[in-house]
Amino acid sequence: MARSELRPVIGLRSTAGTGYTYVTRKNRRTDADRLVLRKYDPVVGRHVGFREER
């Protein structure tokens, strides 16, 4: 099955400036803006915001 352009793979980079990243998929139809998720950053040792990078 082919990868859908509607659900691309995106990278999420930590806003704490540590350079730690997560990789996930998102639905462009429902989330057109840049995604910001609150996830755990093991370098800092706490939950911080992770912003979509392009």
N, C-alpha and C. Protein backbone atom coordinates (compact mmCIF):
# COMPACT_ATOMS: atom_id res chain seq x y z
N MET A 1 0.84 -1.17 0.00
CA MET A 1 0.00 0.00 0.00
C MET A 1 0.90 1.24 0.00
N ALA A 2 0.59 2.19 -0.84
CA ALA A 2 1.40 3.40 -0.99
C ALA A 2 1.19 4.36 0.18
N ARG A 3 2.21 5.12 0.45
CA ARG A 3 2.10 6.15 1.48
C ARG A 3 1.19 7.26 0.98
N SER A 4 0.36 7.76 1.85
CA SER A 4 -0.59 8.79 1.49
C SER A 4 0.04 10.17 1.65
N GLU A 5 -0.20 11.04 0.69
CA GLU A 5 0.26 12.43 0.80
C GLU A 5 -0.62 13.20 1.78
N LEU A 6 -1.79 12.65 2.10
CA LEU A 6 -2.68 13.30 3.05
C LEU A 6 -2.16 13.17 4.48
N ARG A 7 -1.41 12.09 4.76
CA ARG A 7 -0.85 11.86 6.10
C ARG A 7 0.67 11.76 6.01
N PRO A 8 1.37 12.90 5.86
CA PRO A 8 2.83 12.86 5.72
C PRO A 8 3.54 12.60 7.05
N VAL A 9 4.76 12.13 6.96
CA VAL A 9 5.62 11.96 8.13
C VAL A 9 6.20 13.33 8.47
N ILE A 10 6.10 13.73 9.74
CA ILE A 10 6.64 15.01 10.18
C ILE A 10 7.58 14.80 11.34
N GLY A 11 8.49 15.74 11.52
CA GLY A 11 9.40 15.72 12.66
C GLY A 11 8.96 16.75 13.67
N LEU A 12 9.06 16.40 14.94
CA LEU A 12 8.73 17.33 16.02
C LEU A 12 10.02 17.62 16.78
N ARG A 13 10.43 18.89 16.85
CA ARG A 13 11.66 19.28 17.53
C ARG A 13 11.33 19.97 18.85
N SER A 14 12.11 19.69 19.87
CA SER A 14 11.89 20.24 21.20
C SER A 14 12.06 21.75 21.21
N THR A 15 11.15 22.43 21.91
CA THR A 15 11.26 23.88 22.05
C THR A 15 12.22 24.26 23.16
N ALA A 16 12.75 23.28 23.91
CA ALA A 16 13.71 23.56 24.96
C ALA A 16 15.11 23.80 24.41
N GLY A 17 15.29 23.57 23.11
CA GLY A 17 16.59 23.83 22.49
C GLY A 17 17.60 22.72 22.65
N THR A 18 17.14 21.51 22.98
CA THR A 18 18.07 20.40 23.18
C THR A 18 18.38 19.66 21.89
N GLY A 19 17.55 19.85 20.86
CA GLY A 19 17.76 19.16 19.60
C GLY A 19 17.10 17.79 19.55
N TYR A 20 16.39 17.39 20.61
CA TYR A 20 15.72 16.10 20.64
C TYR A 20 14.49 16.16 19.75
N THR A 21 14.24 15.07 18.99
CA THR A 21 13.12 15.04 18.05
C THR A 21 12.28 13.79 18.21
N TYR A 22 11.03 13.91 17.84
CA TYR A 22 10.11 12.79 17.68
C TYR A 22 9.66 12.77 16.23
N VAL A 23 9.26 11.60 15.71
CA VAL A 23 8.74 11.48 14.36
C VAL A 23 7.34 10.90 14.46
N THR A 24 6.39 11.51 13.74
CA THR A 24 5.00 11.05 13.77
C THR A 24 4.36 11.36 12.42
N ARG A 25 3.09 11.02 12.28
CA ARG A 25 2.33 11.33 11.08
C ARG A 25 1.17 12.24 11.48
N LYS A 26 0.72 13.06 10.54
CA LYS A 26 -0.42 13.92 10.84
C LYS A 26 -1.34 13.99 9.63
N ASN A 27 -2.58 14.33 9.89
CA ASN A 27 -3.58 14.47 8.84
C ASN A 27 -3.60 15.93 8.40
N ARG A 28 -3.22 16.20 7.16
CA ARG A 28 -3.20 17.58 6.68
C ARG A 28 -4.59 18.19 6.58
N ARG A 29 -5.59 17.38 6.36
CA ARG A 29 -6.95 17.91 6.20
C ARG A 29 -7.49 18.48 7.51
N THR A 30 -7.20 17.83 8.64
CA THR A 30 -7.72 18.32 9.93
C THR A 30 -6.73 19.21 10.67
N ASP A 31 -5.42 19.07 10.42
CA ASP A 31 -4.39 19.86 11.09
C ASP A 31 -3.54 20.57 10.05
N ALA A 32 -4.06 21.64 9.49
CA ALA A 32 -3.33 22.36 8.45
C ALA A 32 -2.19 23.19 9.02
N ASP A 33 -2.35 23.69 10.25
CA ASP A 33 -1.30 24.51 10.86
C ASP A 33 -0.19 23.63 11.41
N ARG A 34 0.88 24.29 11.84
CA ARG A 34 1.98 23.54 12.44
C ARG A 34 1.53 22.94 13.77
N LEU A 35 1.90 21.70 13.96
CA LEU A 35 1.48 20.95 15.12
C LEU A 35 2.41 21.23 16.30
N VAL A 36 1.85 21.41 17.50
CA VAL A 36 2.63 21.55 18.73
C VAL A 36 2.07 20.56 19.73
N LEU A 37 2.90 19.61 20.16
CA LEU A 37 2.50 18.60 21.13
C LEU A 37 3.39 18.69 22.36
N ARG A 38 2.82 18.43 23.52
CA ARG A 38 3.58 18.43 24.76
C ARG A 38 4.02 17.00 25.03
N LYS A 39 5.34 16.77 24.93
CA LYS A 39 5.89 15.42 25.09
C LYS A 39 7.11 15.49 26.00
N TYR A 40 7.61 14.31 26.38
CA TYR A 40 8.74 14.22 27.31
C TYR A 40 10.06 14.40 26.58
N ASP A 41 10.91 15.28 27.09
CA ASP A 41 12.27 15.48 26.57
C ASP A 41 13.25 14.89 27.57
N PRO A 42 13.89 13.75 27.24
CA PRO A 42 14.78 13.10 28.21
C PRO A 42 16.06 13.87 28.49
N VAL A 43 16.45 14.78 27.62
CA VAL A 43 17.66 15.58 27.86
C VAL A 43 17.41 16.58 28.99
N VAL A 44 16.24 17.20 28.99
CA VAL A 44 15.87 18.16 30.03
C VAL A 44 15.31 17.44 31.25
N GLY A 45 14.64 16.31 31.01
CA GLY A 45 14.06 15.53 32.10
C GLY A 45 12.67 15.97 32.49
N ARG A 46 11.96 16.62 31.57
CA ARG A 46 10.59 17.04 31.85
C ARG A 46 9.81 17.16 30.54
N HIS A 47 8.50 17.40 30.65
CA HIS A 47 7.65 17.58 29.48
C HIS A 47 7.78 19.02 28.96
N VAL A 48 7.96 19.14 27.65
CA VAL A 48 8.05 20.45 27.01
C VAL A 48 7.26 20.39 25.71
N GLY A 49 7.07 21.53 25.07
CA GLY A 49 6.38 21.56 23.80
C GLY A 49 7.30 21.10 22.67
N PHE A 50 6.76 20.33 21.75
CA PHE A 50 7.48 19.89 20.57
C PHE A 50 6.75 20.45 19.36
N ARG A 51 7.46 21.23 18.54
CA ARG A 51 6.86 21.93 17.41
C ARG A 51 7.23 21.25 16.10
N GLU A 52 6.27 21.23 15.20
CA GLU A 52 6.50 20.61 13.89
C GLU A 52 7.56 21.39 13.11
N GLU A 53 8.49 20.68 12.52
CA GLU A 53 9.51 21.32 11.67
C GLU A 53 9.28 20.89 10.23
N ARG A 54 9.64 21.72 9.29
CA ARG A 54 9.44 21.40 7.88
C ARG A 54 10.76 21.45 7.15
